[in-house]
Structures are given as C-alpha cells and as structure tokens.
Amino acid sequence: MPKILSEERVVEYSTEFKVRVVALANQLKVDTTTIANIIGLHPVMVYRWRQESREGKLVEKPSRRISMTKITKIPSQTDDKEIRRLKNRLKNCKRRIIS
C-alpha cells in the first residue's frame, strides 16, 4: 500500500488544460520554465506535456459539453452610464496625481 509522504493534494489536470498550456507555450515561443512560472506549475509538468504533444500522445478529444459560461450580455443604458462615470472618475484621479 503506498504511503502519502506529503500533505499536499495531487492535482490532475484535464487534457484540455494541458493542450492549452502547450499551445500557449508554443505561441509565445518561451522556454518551459518561463511558462511554468507564469501559470504556477512545476516546469517538469510543462516539459512532459510538451513532449507528449510532440509525440502525439496529448491530443484534445472533442467534447459534446456545452459551456454555460460564455453568456454574452448586452450592455444596458445603466451600464453605459456607470462606465462613463467611472471613466470620468479615473480622469479626475489622473489629474490629481499629475498636478
């Protein structure tokens, strides 16, 4: 029976997350340690995911799931007023800092 030598939990990342990390690393053309530090992962994990991607082992499988988080909201007039008010307030703050 294996022993748990650490109180930290083991986190299993989804294939979708791994594929996105590898794509981001390739798109930004940065080394493994840099992308790992940015995302908060251990560099060995990112290195392994990149290697699996090159070998064709890390492939995102199509999913039939529908994301419910991509709801687009049409801004209302009250939202527009609030945005204008906040922009004006920001301008006033900048003026105070400069002067």
N, C-alpha and C. Protein backbone atom coordinates (compact mmCIF):
# COMPACT_ATOMS: atom_id res chain seq x y z
N MET A 1 0.85 -1.18 0.00
CA MET A 1 0.00 0.00 0.00
C MET A 1 0.89 1.24 0.00
N PRO A 2 0.66 2.17 -0.94
CA PRO A 2 1.51 3.36 -1.00
C PRO A 2 1.24 4.30 0.17
N LYS A 3 2.29 4.99 0.57
CA LYS A 3 2.17 5.95 1.65
C LYS A 3 2.14 7.36 1.08
N ILE A 4 1.39 8.17 1.74
CA ILE A 4 1.36 9.58 1.35
C ILE A 4 2.41 10.29 2.18
N LEU A 5 3.42 10.82 1.51
CA LEU A 5 4.53 11.47 2.21
C LEU A 5 4.38 12.98 2.30
N SER A 6 3.31 13.49 1.73
CA SER A 6 3.10 14.92 1.71
C SER A 6 1.65 15.22 2.03
N GLU A 7 1.43 16.38 2.65
CA GLU A 7 0.05 16.79 2.93
C GLU A 7 -0.60 17.46 1.73
N GLU A 8 0.21 17.79 0.72
CA GLU A 8 -0.32 18.45 -0.46
C GLU A 8 -1.14 17.45 -1.28
N ARG A 9 -2.18 17.93 -1.88
CA ARG A 9 -3.03 17.09 -2.70
C ARG A 9 -2.46 16.98 -4.10
N VAL A 10 -2.66 15.85 -4.71
CA VAL A 10 -2.25 15.66 -6.09
C VAL A 10 -3.35 16.20 -6.98
N VAL A 11 -2.95 17.03 -7.93
CA VAL A 11 -3.92 17.65 -8.82
C VAL A 11 -3.79 17.00 -10.19
N GLU A 12 -4.91 16.58 -10.73
CA GLU A 12 -4.92 16.02 -12.08
C GLU A 12 -5.53 17.05 -13.02
N TYR A 13 -4.76 17.43 -14.03
CA TYR A 13 -5.20 18.45 -14.97
C TYR A 13 -5.88 17.79 -16.17
N SER A 14 -6.88 18.47 -16.69
CA SER A 14 -7.60 17.94 -17.84
C SER A 14 -6.74 18.01 -19.09
N THR A 15 -7.06 17.18 -20.04
CA THR A 15 -6.33 17.18 -21.31
C THR A 15 -6.49 18.52 -22.00
N GLU A 16 -7.67 19.11 -21.88
CA GLU A 16 -7.91 20.42 -22.49
C GLU A 16 -6.95 21.46 -21.92
N PHE A 17 -6.76 21.45 -20.60
CA PHE A 17 -5.85 22.39 -19.96
C PHE A 17 -4.42 22.17 -20.43
N LYS A 18 -4.00 20.92 -20.49
CA LYS A 18 -2.64 20.59 -20.93
C LYS A 18 -2.40 21.07 -22.36
N VAL A 19 -3.37 20.82 -23.23
CA VAL A 19 -3.25 21.22 -24.63
C VAL A 19 -3.15 22.74 -24.73
N ARG A 20 -3.94 23.45 -23.92
CA ARG A 20 -3.90 24.91 -23.96
C ARG A 20 -2.57 25.46 -23.44
N VAL A 21 -2.02 24.84 -22.41
CA VAL A 21 -0.71 25.27 -21.90
C VAL A 21 0.36 25.08 -22.95
N VAL A 22 0.35 23.93 -23.60
CA VAL A 22 1.34 23.66 -24.65
C VAL A 22 1.16 24.63 -25.81
N ALA A 23 -0.07 24.88 -26.21
CA ALA A 23 -0.32 25.82 -27.31
C ALA A 23 0.14 27.22 -26.94
N LEU A 24 -0.11 27.62 -25.70
CA LEU A 24 0.33 28.94 -25.24
C LEU A 24 1.85 29.03 -25.25
N ALA A 25 2.51 28.00 -24.76
CA ALA A 25 3.97 27.98 -24.74
C ALA A 25 4.54 28.05 -26.15
N ASN A 26 3.94 27.33 -27.07
CA ASN A 26 4.41 27.34 -28.45
C ASN A 26 4.12 28.67 -29.13
N GLN A 27 2.96 29.24 -28.82
CA GLN A 27 2.57 30.51 -29.44
C GLN A 27 3.48 31.64 -28.97
N LEU A 28 3.78 31.65 -27.67
CA LEU A 28 4.63 32.72 -27.13
C LEU A 28 6.10 32.46 -27.38
N LYS A 29 6.43 31.24 -27.78
CA LYS A 29 7.82 30.85 -28.06
C LYS A 29 8.72 31.15 -26.86
N VAL A 30 8.30 30.66 -25.70
CA VAL A 30 9.08 30.83 -24.49
C VAL A 30 9.53 29.46 -23.99
N ASP A 31 10.53 29.47 -23.12
CA ASP A 31 11.01 28.19 -22.60
C ASP A 31 10.06 27.65 -21.53
N THR A 32 10.27 26.41 -21.21
CA THR A 32 9.36 25.70 -20.32
C THR A 32 9.30 26.33 -18.93
N THR A 33 10.42 26.74 -18.39
CA THR A 33 10.42 27.30 -17.03
C THR A 33 9.66 28.61 -16.96
N THR A 34 9.75 29.40 -18.00
CA THR A 34 9.04 30.68 -18.01
C THR A 34 7.54 30.47 -18.00
N ILE A 35 7.05 29.62 -18.88
CA ILE A 35 5.61 29.39 -18.95
C ILE A 35 5.11 28.71 -17.67
N ALA A 36 5.93 27.84 -17.09
CA ALA A 36 5.55 27.17 -15.84
C ALA A 36 5.43 28.18 -14.71
N ASN A 37 6.36 29.11 -14.63
CA ASN A 37 6.30 30.15 -13.59
C ASN A 37 5.10 31.05 -13.76
N ILE A 38 4.77 31.38 -14.99
CA ILE A 38 3.63 32.26 -15.26
C ILE A 38 2.33 31.58 -14.82
N ILE A 39 2.19 30.32 -15.13
CA ILE A 39 0.95 29.61 -14.84
C ILE A 39 0.93 29.05 -13.42
N GLY A 40 2.10 28.91 -12.81
CA GLY A 40 2.16 28.39 -11.45
C GLY A 40 2.27 26.87 -11.40
N LEU A 41 2.94 26.31 -12.38
CA LEU A 41 3.14 24.86 -12.44
C LEU A 41 4.62 24.54 -12.27
N HIS A 42 4.90 23.28 -11.99
CA HIS A 42 6.29 22.84 -11.94
C HIS A 42 6.78 22.69 -13.38
N PRO A 43 7.99 23.15 -13.68
CA PRO A 43 8.50 23.08 -15.06
C PRO A 43 8.51 21.66 -15.64
N VAL A 44 8.70 20.65 -14.81
CA VAL A 44 8.72 19.27 -15.31
C VAL A 44 7.39 18.90 -15.93
N MET A 45 6.29 19.39 -15.35
CA MET A 45 4.97 19.08 -15.89
C MET A 45 4.81 19.66 -17.28
N VAL A 46 5.19 20.92 -17.44
CA VAL A 46 5.06 21.58 -18.75
C VAL A 46 5.98 20.90 -19.77
N TYR A 47 7.19 20.56 -19.33
CA TYR A 47 8.12 19.87 -20.23
C TYR A 47 7.52 18.54 -20.70
N ARG A 48 6.95 17.78 -19.76
CA ARG A 48 6.37 16.49 -20.10
C ARG A 48 5.19 16.66 -21.05
N TRP A 49 4.34 17.67 -20.79
CA TRP A 49 3.18 17.91 -21.67
C TRP A 49 3.63 18.29 -23.07
N ARG A 50 4.68 19.11 -23.17
CA ARG A 50 5.19 19.49 -24.50
C ARG A 50 5.72 18.26 -25.23
N GLN A 51 6.43 17.40 -24.50
CA GLN A 51 6.97 16.19 -25.10
C GLN A 51 5.84 15.26 -25.55
N GLU A 52 4.83 15.08 -24.73
CA GLU A 52 3.68 14.25 -25.10
C GLU A 52 2.97 14.82 -26.32
N SER A 53 2.92 16.14 -26.42
CA SER A 53 2.29 16.78 -27.57
C SER A 53 3.09 16.50 -28.84
N ARG A 54 4.41 16.61 -28.74
CA ARG A 54 5.25 16.34 -29.90
C ARG A 54 5.12 14.88 -30.36
N GLU A 55 4.97 13.98 -29.39
CA GLU A 55 4.85 12.56 -29.71
C GLU A 55 3.44 12.17 -30.16
N GLY A 56 2.51 13.10 -30.07
CA GLY A 56 1.14 12.84 -30.49
C GLY A 56 0.30 12.16 -29.43
N LYS A 57 0.82 12.07 -28.21
CA LYS A 57 0.08 11.43 -27.12
C LYS A 57 -0.91 12.38 -26.46
N LEU A 58 -0.66 13.65 -26.56
CA LEU A 58 -1.51 14.64 -25.91
C LEU A 58 -2.39 15.30 -26.97
N VAL A 59 -3.56 14.75 -27.15
CA VAL A 59 -4.49 15.25 -28.16
C VAL A 59 -5.81 15.53 -27.49
N GLU A 60 -6.32 16.71 -27.72
CA GLU A 60 -7.61 17.07 -27.14
C GLU A 60 -8.72 16.33 -27.87
N LYS A 61 -9.52 15.64 -27.10
CA LYS A 61 -10.62 14.89 -27.68
C LYS A 61 -11.84 15.79 -27.78
N PRO A 62 -12.57 15.71 -28.88
CA PRO A 62 -13.77 16.53 -28.99
C PRO A 62 -14.77 16.19 -27.89
N SER A 63 -15.41 17.22 -27.42
CA SER A 63 -16.37 17.03 -26.33
C SER A 63 -17.74 17.51 -26.77
N ARG A 64 -18.75 16.89 -26.23
CA ARG A 64 -20.11 17.30 -26.54
C ARG A 64 -20.64 18.26 -25.48
N ARG A 65 -19.77 18.62 -24.55
CA ARG A 65 -20.19 19.54 -23.50
C ARG A 65 -20.44 20.92 -24.06
N ILE A 66 -21.42 21.58 -23.50
CA ILE A 66 -21.73 22.95 -23.89
C ILE A 66 -21.33 23.85 -22.74
N SER A 67 -20.52 24.83 -23.03
CA SER A 67 -20.08 25.74 -21.99
C SER A 67 -21.19 26.73 -21.67
N MET A 68 -21.53 26.80 -20.42
CA MET A 68 -22.59 27.71 -20.00
C MET A 68 -22.02 29.04 -19.50
N THR A 69 -20.70 29.18 -19.55
CA THR A 69 -20.07 30.40 -19.04
C THR A 69 -19.90 31.48 -20.10
N LYS A 70 -20.19 31.17 -21.34
CA LYS A 70 -19.97 32.14 -22.41
C LYS A 70 -21.24 32.91 -22.76
N ILE A 71 -21.92 33.35 -21.76
CA ILE A 71 -23.14 34.10 -21.98
C ILE A 71 -22.76 35.55 -22.26
N THR A 72 -23.21 36.04 -23.38
CA THR A 72 -22.91 37.42 -23.73
C THR A 72 -24.04 38.30 -23.24
N LYS A 73 -23.65 39.37 -22.63
CA LYS A 73 -24.63 40.28 -22.07
C LYS A 73 -24.63 41.57 -22.89
N ILE A 74 -25.79 42.00 -23.27
CA ILE A 74 -25.91 43.26 -24.00
C ILE A 74 -25.89 44.38 -22.97
N PRO A 75 -24.94 45.33 -23.12
CA PRO A 75 -24.86 46.40 -22.13
C PRO A 75 -26.13 47.25 -22.13
N SER A 76 -26.61 47.54 -20.96
CA SER A 76 -27.81 48.37 -20.84
C SER A 76 -27.39 49.83 -20.70
N GLN A 77 -28.37 50.70 -20.69
CA GLN A 77 -28.08 52.13 -20.52
C GLN A 77 -27.46 52.41 -19.17
N THR A 78 -27.89 51.69 -18.16
CA THR A 78 -27.30 51.90 -16.83
C THR A 78 -25.85 51.48 -16.81
N ASP A 79 -25.51 50.42 -17.56
CA ASP A 79 -24.11 50.01 -17.66
C ASP A 79 -23.29 51.08 -18.35
N ASP A 80 -23.82 51.64 -19.44
CA ASP A 80 -23.12 52.70 -20.15
C ASP A 80 -22.89 53.91 -19.25
N LYS A 81 -23.89 54.28 -18.48
CA LYS A 81 -23.75 55.42 -17.57
C LYS A 81 -22.68 55.14 -16.53
N GLU A 82 -22.68 53.93 -16.01
CA GLU A 82 -21.69 53.56 -14.99
C GLU A 82 -20.28 53.58 -15.58
N ILE A 83 -20.13 53.11 -16.79
CA ILE A 83 -18.82 53.12 -17.46
C ILE A 83 -18.34 54.56 -17.65
N ARG A 84 -19.23 55.43 -18.12
CA ARG A 84 -18.86 56.85 -18.30
C ARG A 84 -18.48 57.49 -16.97
N ARG A 85 -19.24 57.18 -15.91
CA ARG A 85 -18.96 57.75 -14.60
C ARG A 85 -17.59 57.30 -14.09
N LEU A 86 -17.29 56.02 -14.28
CA LEU A 86 -16.01 55.51 -13.82
C LEU A 86 -14.84 56.07 -14.64
N LYS A 87 -15.05 56.24 -15.94
CA LYS A 87 -14.01 56.84 -16.78
C LYS A 87 -13.72 58.27 -16.34
N ASN A 88 -14.78 59.03 -16.07
CA ASN A 88 -14.58 60.40 -15.60
C ASN A 88 -13.87 60.44 -14.26
N ARG A 89 -14.23 59.52 -13.40
CA ARG A 89 -13.58 59.47 -12.09
C ARG A 89 -12.10 59.13 -12.24
N LEU A 90 -11.79 58.22 -13.17
CA LEU A 90 -10.40 57.86 -13.42
C LEU A 90 -9.62 59.06 -13.97
N LYS A 91 -10.23 59.82 -14.86
CA LYS A 91 -9.57 61.01 -15.40
C LYS A 91 -9.27 62.01 -14.28
N ASN A 92 -10.23 62.18 -13.39
CA ASN A 92 -10.02 63.12 -12.28
C ASN A 92 -8.88 62.64 -11.37
N CYS A 93 -8.80 61.34 -11.14
CA CYS A 93 -7.72 60.81 -10.31
C CYS A 93 -6.37 61.02 -10.98
N LYS A 94 -6.31 60.82 -12.29
CA LYS A 94 -5.07 61.03 -13.02
C LYS A 94 -4.65 62.49 -12.96
N ARG A 95 -5.61 63.40 -13.07
CA ARG A 95 -5.29 64.83 -13.00
C ARG A 95 -4.72 65.20 -11.64
N ARG A 96 -5.27 64.63 -10.59
CA ARG A 96 -4.79 64.91 -9.24
C ARG A 96 -3.37 64.39 -9.04
N ILE A 97 -3.07 63.24 -9.62
CA ILE A 97 -1.74 62.66 -9.48
C ILE A 97 -0.72 63.49 -10.23
N ILE A 98 -1.08 63.94 -11.43
CA ILE A 98 -0.15 64.71 -12.26
C ILE A 98 0.12 66.08 -11.66
N SER A 99 -0.93 66.73 -11.11
CA SER A 99 -0.73 68.09 -10.60
C SER A 99 -0.21 68.13 -9.19
